[in-house]
PDB file of N, CA and C in Angstrom:
ATOM      1  N   UNK A   1      -0.041  88.590  50.126  1.00  0.00           N
ATOM      2  CA  UNK A   1      -0.219  87.845  51.541  1.00  0.00           C
ATOM      3  C   UNK A   1      -0.285  88.929  52.729  1.00  0.00           C
ATOM      4  N   UNK A   2      -1.241  89.245  53.637  1.00  0.00           N
ATOM      5  CA  UNK A   2      -1.299  89.878  54.410  1.00  0.00           C
ATOM      6  C   UNK A   2      -1.934  89.008  55.771  1.00  0.00           C
ATOM      7  N   UNK A   3      -1.017  89.543  57.476  1.00  0.00           N
ATOM      8  CA  UNK A   3      -1.601  89.133  58.151  1.00  0.00           C
ATOM      9  C   UNK A   3      -2.138  90.131  59.105  1.00  0.00           C
ATOM     10  N   UNK A   4      -3.226  89.918  59.917  1.00  0.00           N
ATOM     11  CA  UNK A   4      -3.605  91.252  60.744  1.00  0.00           C
ATOM     12  C   UNK A   4      -4.517  90.719  61.771  1.00  0.00           C
ATOM     13  N   UNK A   5      -4.603  91.714  62.812  1.00  0.00           N
ATOM     14  CA  UNK A   5      -5.411  91.277  64.108  1.00  0.00           C
ATOM     15  C   UNK A   5      -6.861  91.514  64.111  1.00  0.00           C
ATOM     16  N   UNK A   6      -7.542  90.286  64.240  1.00  0.00           N
ATOM     17  CA  UNK A   6      -9.106  90.790  64.211  1.00  0.00           C
ATOM     18  C   UNK A   6      -9.718  91.217  65.750  1.00  0.00           C
ATOM     19  N   UNK A   7     -10.933  91.500  65.623  1.00  0.00           N
ATOM     20  CA  UNK A   7     -11.385  92.256  66.754  1.00  0.00           C
ATOM     21  C   UNK A   7     -11.454  91.525  67.750  1.00  0.00           C
ATOM     22  N   UNK A   8     -11.647  90.019  67.859  1.00  0.00           N
ATOM     23  CA  UNK A   8     -11.662  89.190  68.800  1.00  0.00           C
ATOM     24  C   UNK A   8     -10.546  88.255  69.147  1.00  0.00           C
ATOM     25  N   UNK A   9      -9.277  89.429  69.005  1.00  0.00           N
ATOM     26  CA  UNK A   9      -7.799  88.574  69.462  1.00  0.00           C
ATOM     27  C   UNK A   9      -7.487  87.696  68.823  1.00  0.00           C
ATOM     28  N   UNK A  10      -7.937  87.061  67.660  1.00  0.00           N
ATOM     29  CA  UNK A  10      -7.437  86.210  66.765  1.00  0.00           C
ATOM     30  C   UNK A  10      -6.874  87.012  65.523  1.00  0.00           C
ATOM     31  N   UNK A  11      -6.246  86.170  65.062  1.00  0.00           N
ATOM     32  CA  UNK A  11      -5.517  86.822  63.539  1.00  0.00           C
ATOM     33  C   UNK A  11      -6.142  85.981  62.366  1.00  0.00           C
ATOM     34  N   UNK A  12      -6.011  86.870  61.251  1.00  0.00           N
ATOM     35  CA  UNK A  12      -6.435  86.359  59.875  1.00  0.00           C
ATOM     36  C   UNK A  12      -5.143  86.178  58.978  1.00  0.00           C
ATOM     37  N   UNK A  13      -5.054  85.454  58.018  1.00  0.00           N
ATOM     38  CA  UNK A  13      -3.994  85.742  56.905  1.00  0.00           C
ATOM     39  C   UNK A  13      -4.799  85.523  55.646  1.00  0.00           C
ATOM     40  N   UNK A  14      -4.639  86.649  54.698  1.00  0.00           N
ATOM     41  CA  UNK A  14      -5.334  86.665  53.526  1.00  0.00           C
ATOM     42  C   UNK A  14      -4.122  86.680  52.269  1.00  0.00           C
ATOM     43  N   UNK A  15      -4.845  85.819  51.383  1.00  0.00           N
ATOM     44  CA  UNK A  15      -3.941  85.825  50.117  1.00  0.00           C
ATOM     45  C   UNK A  15      -4.628  86.388  49.102  1.00  0.00           C
ATOM     46  N   UNK A  16      -3.992  86.976  48.327  1.00  0.00           N
ATOM     47  CA  UNK A  16      -4.863  87.747  46.935  1.00  0.00           C
ATOM     48  C   UNK A  16      -4.249  87.759  45.543  1.00  0.00           C
ATOM     49  N   UNK A  17      -4.716  87.531  44.622  1.00  0.00           N
ATOM     50  CA  UNK A  17      -4.251  87.865  43.387  1.00  0.00           C
ATOM     51  C   UNK A  17      -5.170  88.786  42.294  1.00  0.00           C
ATOM     52  N   UNK A  18      -4.663  88.974  41.461  1.00  0.00           N
ATOM     53  CA  UNK A  18      -5.151  90.231  40.617  1.00  0.00           C
ATOM     54  C   UNK A  18      -5.727  89.606  39.247  1.00  0.00           C
ATOM     55  N   UNK A  19      -6.350  88.310  39.701  1.00  0.00           N
ATOM     56  CA  UNK A  19      -6.949  87.557  38.278  1.00  0.00           C
ATOM     57  C   UNK A  19      -8.046  87.777  38.221  1.00  0.00           C
ATOM     58  N   UNK A  20      -8.726  87.247  37.622  1.00  0.00           N
ATOM     59  CA  UNK A  20     -10.359  87.239  37.158  1.00  0.00           C
ATOM     60  C   UNK A  20     -10.984  87.126  38.885  1.00  0.00           C
ATOM     61  N   UNK A  21     -12.099  87.575  39.100  1.00  0.00           N
ATOM     62  CA  UNK A  21     -12.820  87.304  40.240  1.00  0.00           C
ATOM     63  C   UNK A  21     -13.694  86.531  40.193  1.00  0.00           C
ATOM     64  N   UNK A  22     -13.893  85.677  41.397  1.00  0.00           N
ATOM     65  CA  UNK A  22     -15.072  84.242  41.431  1.00  0.00           C
ATOM     66  C   UNK A  22     -16.183  85.054  41.806  1.00  0.00           C
ATOM     67  N   UNK A  23     -17.340  84.927  41.277  1.00  0.00           N
ATOM     68  CA  UNK A  23     -18.770  85.315  41.132  1.00  0.00           C
ATOM     69  C   UNK A  23     -19.386  85.116  42.984  1.00  0.00           C
ATOM     70  N   UNK A  24     -19.630  85.654  43.340  1.00  0.00           N
ATOM     71  CA  UNK A  24     -20.594  85.246  44.829  1.00  0.00           C
ATOM     72  C   UNK A  24     -21.314  84.137  44.664  1.00  0.00           C
ATOM     73  N   UNK A  25     -21.947  84.108  43.525  1.00  0.00           N
ATOM     74  CA  UNK A  25     -22.777  82.712  43.529  1.00  0.00           C
ATOM     75  C   UNK A  25     -21.775  81.229  43.516  1.00  0.00           C
ATOM     76  N   UNK A  26     -20.738  81.666  43.330  1.00  0.00           N
ATOM     77  CA  UNK A  26     -20.021  80.635  43.344  1.00  0.00           C
ATOM     78  C   UNK A  26     -19.258  80.352  44.488  1.00  0.00           C
ATOM     79  N   UNK A  27     -19.092  81.180  45.530  1.00  0.00           N
ATOM     80  CA  UNK A  27     -18.441  81.534  46.752  1.00  0.00           C
ATOM     81  C   UNK A  27     -18.304  79.945  47.561  1.00  0.00           C
ATOM     82  N   UNK A  28     -19.565  79.333  47.556  1.00  0.00           N
ATOM     83  CA  UNK A  28     -19.565  78.354  48.227  1.00  0.00           C
ATOM     84  C   UNK A  28     -19.430  76.913  47.548  1.00  0.00           C
ATOM     85  N   UNK A  29     -19.481  76.605  46.438  1.00  0.00           N
ATOM     86  CA  UNK A  29     -19.422  75.915  45.497  1.00  0.00           C
ATOM     87  C   UNK A  29     -18.103  75.429  45.349  1.00  0.00           C
ATOM     88  N   UNK A  30     -17.023  76.351  45.083  1.00  0.00           N
ATOM     89  CA  UNK A  30     -15.795  76.402  44.812  1.00  0.00           C
ATOM     90  C   UNK A  30     -14.943  75.338  46.311  1.00  0.00           C
ATOM     91  N   UNK A  31     -15.435  75.232  47.195  1.00  0.00           N
ATOM     92  CA  UNK A  31     -14.935  74.414  48.261  1.00  0.00           C
ATOM     93  C   UNK A  31     -15.522  73.256  48.231  1.00  0.00           C
ATOM     94  N   UNK A  32     -16.370  72.484  47.292  1.00  0.00           N
ATOM     95  CA  UNK A  32     -16.852  71.345  46.869  1.00  0.00           C
ATOM     96  C   UNK A  32     -15.620  70.570  45.963  1.00  0.00           C
ATOM     97  N   UNK A  33     -15.604  69.600  46.062  1.00  0.00           N
ATOM     98  CA  UNK A  33     -14.562  68.534  45.575  1.00  0.00           C
ATOM     99  C   UNK A  33     -14.974  68.372  43.985  1.00  0.00           C
ATOM    100  N   UNK A  34     -13.989  68.509  43.388  1.00  0.00           N
ATOM    101  CA  UNK A  34     -14.209  68.287  41.806  1.00  0.00           C
ATOM    102  C   UNK A  34     -14.920  69.360  40.829  1.00  0.00           C
ATOM    103  N   UNK A  35     -15.015  70.607  41.852  1.00  0.00           N
ATOM    104  CA  UNK A  35     -15.870  71.807  41.054  1.00  0.00           C
ATOM    105  C   UNK A  35     -14.816  72.674  40.621  1.00  0.00           C
ATOM    106  N   UNK A  36     -14.995  72.782  39.092  1.00  0.00           N
ATOM    107  CA  UNK A  36     -14.034  73.855  38.556  1.00  0.00           C
ATOM    108  C   UNK A  36     -15.009  74.552  37.895  1.00  0.00           C
ATOM    109  N   UNK A  37     -14.712  75.831  37.658  1.00  0.00           N
ATOM    110  CA  UNK A  37     -15.571  77.028  37.393  1.00  0.00           C
ATOM    111  C   UNK A  37     -15.593  77.421  35.593  1.00  0.00           C
ATOM    112  N   UNK A  38     -14.532  76.531  34.893  1.00  0.00           N
ATOM    113  CA  UNK A  38     -14.462  76.871  33.823  1.00  0.00           C
ATOM    114  C   UNK A  38     -14.170  75.192  33.207  1.00  0.00           C
ATOM    115  N   UNK A  39     -14.738  74.932  32.117  1.00  0.00           N
ATOM    116  CA  UNK A  39     -14.234  73.501  31.441  1.00  0.00           C
ATOM    117  C   UNK A  39     -13.027  73.586  31.158  1.00  0.00           C
ATOM    118  N   UNK A  40     -12.534  74.424  30.528  1.00  0.00           N
ATOM    119  CA  UNK A  40     -11.132  74.515  30.277  1.00  0.00           C
ATOM    120  C   UNK A  40      -9.987  74.934  31.180  1.00  0.00           C
ATOM    121  N   UNK A  41     -10.597  74.878  32.593  1.00  0.00           N
ATOM    122  CA  UNK A  41      -9.770  74.915  33.593  1.00  0.00           C
ATOM    123  C   UNK A  41      -8.751  73.686  33.925  1.00  0.00           C
ATOM    124  N   UNK A  42      -7.432  73.616  34.184  1.00  0.00           N
ATOM    125  CA  UNK A  42      -6.638  72.608  33.901  1.00  0.00           C
ATOM    126  C   UNK A  42      -6.574  71.820  35.265  1.00  0.00           C
ATOM    127  N   UNK A  43      -7.225  72.229  36.618  1.00  0.00           N
ATOM    128  CA  UNK A  43      -7.343  71.934  37.714  1.00  0.00           C
ATOM    129  C   UNK A  43      -8.050  70.545  37.788  1.00  0.00           C
ATOM    130  N   UNK A  44      -8.047  69.896  38.907  1.00  0.00           N
ATOM    131  CA  UNK A  44      -8.598  68.526  39.133  1.00  0.00           C
ATOM    132  C   UNK A  44     -10.135  69.479  40.399  1.00  0.00           C
ATOM    133  N   UNK A  45     -10.017  70.191  41.073  1.00  0.00           N
ATOM    134  CA  UNK A  45     -10.844  71.081  41.776  1.00  0.00           C
ATOM    135  C   UNK A  45     -10.669  70.049  43.024  1.00  0.00           C
ATOM    136  N   UNK A  46      -9.629  69.942  43.807  1.00  0.00           N
ATOM    137  CA  UNK A  46      -9.482  69.497  44.688  1.00  0.00           C
ATOM    138  C   UNK A  46      -8.282  70.437  45.952  1.00  0.00           C
ATOM    139  N   UNK A  47      -7.783  71.551  45.183  1.00  0.00           N
ATOM    140  CA  UNK A  47      -7.077  72.138  46.378  1.00  0.00           C
ATOM    141  C   UNK A  47      -7.787  73.004  47.242  1.00  0.00           C
ATOM    142  N   UNK A  48      -8.885  73.883  46.565  1.00  0.00           N
ATOM    143  CA  UNK A  48      -9.644  74.591  47.844  1.00  0.00           C
ATOM    144  C   UNK A  48     -10.413  73.792  48.816  1.00  0.00           C
ATOM    145  N   UNK A  49     -11.011  72.706  48.464  1.00  0.00           N
ATOM    146  CA  UNK A  49     -11.574  71.789  49.222  1.00  0.00           C
ATOM    147  C   UNK A  49     -10.553  71.205  50.425  1.00  0.00           C
ATOM    148  N   UNK A  50      -9.496  70.860  49.852  1.00  0.00           N
ATOM    149  CA  UNK A  50      -8.479  70.069  50.709  1.00  0.00           C
ATOM    150  C   UNK A  50      -7.969  71.032  51.741  1.00  0.00           C
ATOM    151  N   UNK A  51      -7.924  72.769  51.320  1.00  0.00           N
ATOM    152  CA  UNK A  51      -7.394  73.451  52.154  1.00  0.00           C
ATOM    153  C   UNK A  51      -8.510  74.130  53.364  1.00  0.00           C
ATOM    154  N   UNK A  52      -9.726  73.873  52.939  1.00  0.00           N
ATOM    155  CA  UNK A  52     -10.894  74.223  53.469  1.00  0.00           C
ATOM    156  C   UNK A  52     -11.066  73.111  54.572  1.00  0.00           C
ATOM    157  N   UNK A  53     -10.839  71.864  54.472  1.00  0.00           N
ATOM    158  CA  UNK A  53     -11.145  71.031  55.515  1.00  0.00           C
ATOM    159  C   UNK A  53     -10.030  70.522  56.345  1.00  0.00           C
ATOM    160  N   UNK A  54      -8.583  71.285  55.691  1.00  0.00           N
ATOM    161  CA  UNK A  54      -7.298  71.449  56.714  1.00  0.00           C
ATOM    162  C   UNK A  54      -7.496  72.484  57.602  1.00  0.00           C
ATOM    163  N   UNK A  55      -8.099  73.565  57.242  1.00  0.00           N
ATOM    164  CA  UNK A  55      -8.294  74.587  58.122  1.00  0.00           C
ATOM    165  C   UNK A  55      -9.097  74.311  59.210  1.00  0.00           C
ATOM    166  N   UNK A  56     -10.299  73.719  58.860  1.00  0.00           N
ATOM    167  CA  UNK A  56     -11.455  73.308  59.450  1.00  0.00           C
ATOM    168  C   UNK A  56     -10.965  72.566  60.690  1.00  0.00           C
ATOM    169  N   UNK A  57     -10.121  71.432  60.221  1.00  0.00           N
ATOM    170  CA  UNK A  57      -9.424  70.528  61.265  1.00  0.00           C
ATOM    171  C   UNK A  57      -8.535  71.116  62.504  1.00  0.00           C
ATOM    172  N   UNK A  58      -7.853  72.104  61.864  1.00  0.00           N
ATOM    173  CA  UNK A  58      -7.125  72.891  62.792  1.00  0.00           C
ATOM    174  C   UNK A  58      -8.051  74.169  64.044  1.00  0.00           C
ATOM    175  N   UNK A  59      -9.315  74.213  63.715  1.00  0.00           N
ATOM    176  CA  UNK A  59     -10.071  75.122  64.160  1.00  0.00           C
ATOM    177  C   UNK A  59      -9.984  76.347  63.590  1.00  0.00           C
ATOM    178  N   UNK A  60      -9.597  76.484  62.176  1.00  0.00           N
ATOM    179  CA  UNK A  60      -9.393  77.682  61.808  1.00  0.00           C
ATOM    180  C   UNK A  60     -10.715  77.970  60.514  1.00  0.00           C
ATOM    181  N   UNK A  61     -10.816  79.122  59.977  1.00  0.00           N
ATOM    182  CA  UNK A  61     -11.916  78.904  58.780  1.00  0.00           C
ATOM    183  C   UNK A  61     -11.347  79.822  57.433  1.00  0.00           C
ATOM    184  N   UNK A  62     -11.841  79.245  56.220  1.00  0.00           N
ATOM    185  CA  UNK A  62     -11.223  79.436  54.890  1.00  0.00           C
ATOM    186  C   UNK A  62     -12.370  79.945  54.370  1.00  0.00           C
ATOM    187  N   UNK A  63     -12.390  81.385  53.874  1.00  0.00           N
ATOM    188  CA  UNK A  63     -13.648  81.747  52.801  1.00  0.00           C
ATOM    189  C   UNK A  63     -12.876  82.755  52.374  1.00  0.00           C
ATOM    190  N   UNK A  64     -13.889  82.626  51.154  1.00  0.00           N
ATOM    191  CA  UNK A  64     -13.377  83.902  49.797  1.00  0.00           C
ATOM    192  C   UNK A  64     -14.035  84.992  49.888  1.00  0.00           C
ATOM    193  N   UNK A  65     -13.028  85.902  50.219  1.00  0.00           N
ATOM    194  CA  UNK A  65     -13.542  87.286  50.496  1.00  0.00           C
ATOM    195  C   UNK A  65     -14.180  87.759  49.376  1.00  0.00           C
ATOM    196  N   UNK A  66     -15.935  88.237  49.567  1.00  0.00           N
ATOM    197  CA  UNK A  66     -16.654  88.692  48.691  1.00  0.00           C
ATOM    198  C   UNK A  66     -16.610  90.132  48.404  1.00  0.00           C
ATOM    199  N   UNK A  67     -15.945  91.086  49.581  1.00  0.00           N
ATOM    200  CA  UNK A  67     -15.638  92.285  49.476  1.00  0.00           C
ATOM    201  C   UNK A  67     -14.857  92.789  48.687  1.00  0.00           C
ATOM    202  N   UNK A  68     -13.528  91.852  48.354  1.00  0.00           N
ATOM    203  CA  UNK A  68     -11.974  92.178  47.731  1.00  0.00           C
ATOM    204  C   UNK A  68     -12.714  92.582  46.112  1.00  0.00           C
ATOM    205  N   UNK A  69     -12.000  93.714  45.628  1.00  0.00           N
ATOM    206  CA  UNK A  69     -12.361  93.887  44.169  1.00  0.00           C
ATOM    207  C   UNK A  69     -10.697  93.957  43.336  1.00  0.00           C
ATOM    208  N   UNK A  70     -11.052  93.877  42.356  1.00  0.00           N
ATOM    209  CA  UNK A  70      -9.558  93.383  41.621  1.00  0.00           C
ATOM    210  C   UNK A  70      -8.771  92.374  41.516  1.00  0.00           C
ATOM    211  N   UNK A  71      -9.510  90.993  41.961  1.00  0.00           N
ATOM    212  CA  UNK A  71      -8.860  89.778  41.992  1.00  0.00           C
ATOM    213  C   UNK A  71      -9.643  89.179  42.955  1.00  0.00           C
ATOM    214  N   UNK A  72      -8.989  87.907  43.120  1.00  0.00           N
ATOM    215  CA  UNK A  72      -9.411  87.024  44.706  1.00  0.00           C
ATOM    216  C   UNK A  72      -8.923  87.090  45.854  1.00  0.00           C
ATOM    217  N   UNK A  73      -9.272  87.048  46.841  1.00  0.00           N
ATOM    218  CA  UNK A  73      -8.801  86.846  48.051  1.00  0.00           C
ATOM    219  C   UNK A  73      -9.435  85.870  48.954  1.00  0.00           C
ATOM    220  N   UNK A  74      -8.399  84.955  49.504  1.00  0.00           N
ATOM    221  CA  UNK A  74      -8.904  84.207  50.373  1.00  0.00           C
ATOM    222  C   UNK A  74      -8.610  84.437  52.092  1.00  0.00           C
ATOM    223  N   UNK A  75      -9.142  84.236  53.033  1.00  0.00           N
ATOM    224  CA  UNK A  75      -9.002  84.562  54.025  1.00  0.00           C
ATOM    225  C   UNK A  75      -9.123  83.480  55.570  1.00  0.00           C
ATOM    226  N   UNK A  76      -7.958  82.964  55.866  1.00  0.00           N
ATOM    227  CA  UNK A  76      -7.919  82.444  57.219  1.00  0.00           C
ATOM    228  C   UNK A  76      -7.910  82.925  58.202  1.00  0.00           C
ATOM    229  N   UNK A  77      -9.200  82.544  59.129  1.00  0.00           N
ATOM    230  CA  UNK A  77      -9.384  83.369  60.227  1.00  0.00           C
ATOM    231  C   UNK A  77      -9.443  82.322  61.468  1.00  0.00           C
ATOM    232  N   UNK A  78      -9.323  83.169  62.475  1.00  0.00           N
ATOM    233  CA  UNK A  78      -9.482  82.107  63.707  1.00  0.00           C
ATOM    234  C   UNK A  78      -7.828  81.898  64.447  1.00  0.00           C
ATOM    235  N   UNK A  79      -6.997  82.192  63.811  1.00  0.00           N
ATOM    236  CA  UNK A  79      -5.490  82.077  64.422  1.00  0.00           C
ATOM    237  C   UNK A  79      -5.364  82.507  65.565  1.00  0.00           C
ATOM    238  N   UNK A  80      -4.475  81.807  66.814  1.00  0.00           N
ATOM    239  CA  UNK A  80      -4.669  82.094  67.766  1.00  0.00           C
ATOM    240  C   UNK A  80      -2.887  82.546  68.234  1.00  0.00           C
ATOM    241  N   UNK A  81      -2.840  83.988  68.668  1.00  0.00           N
ATOM    242  CA  UNK A  81      -1.555  84.326  68.885  1.00  0.00           C
ATOM    243  C   UNK A  81      -0.788  83.682  69.830  1.00  0.00           C
TER     244      UNK A  81
END
């Protein structure tokens, strides 16, 4: 987890892991309800869509950082000081 200032005066929080990367082709799809990237995945595919909608509802943005290597990093941006 990391928090940093953005150039526009807002802040961003990133959360990352060292697990398998999410392909760029799935970057938007993973925020749709009930989407799972693997048939053996034990989730319902609701966590990321819920987190994204909550962020949007508060005026923030949740995205998958496609430039991160060595795992997965999600970024919530637009946080006001």
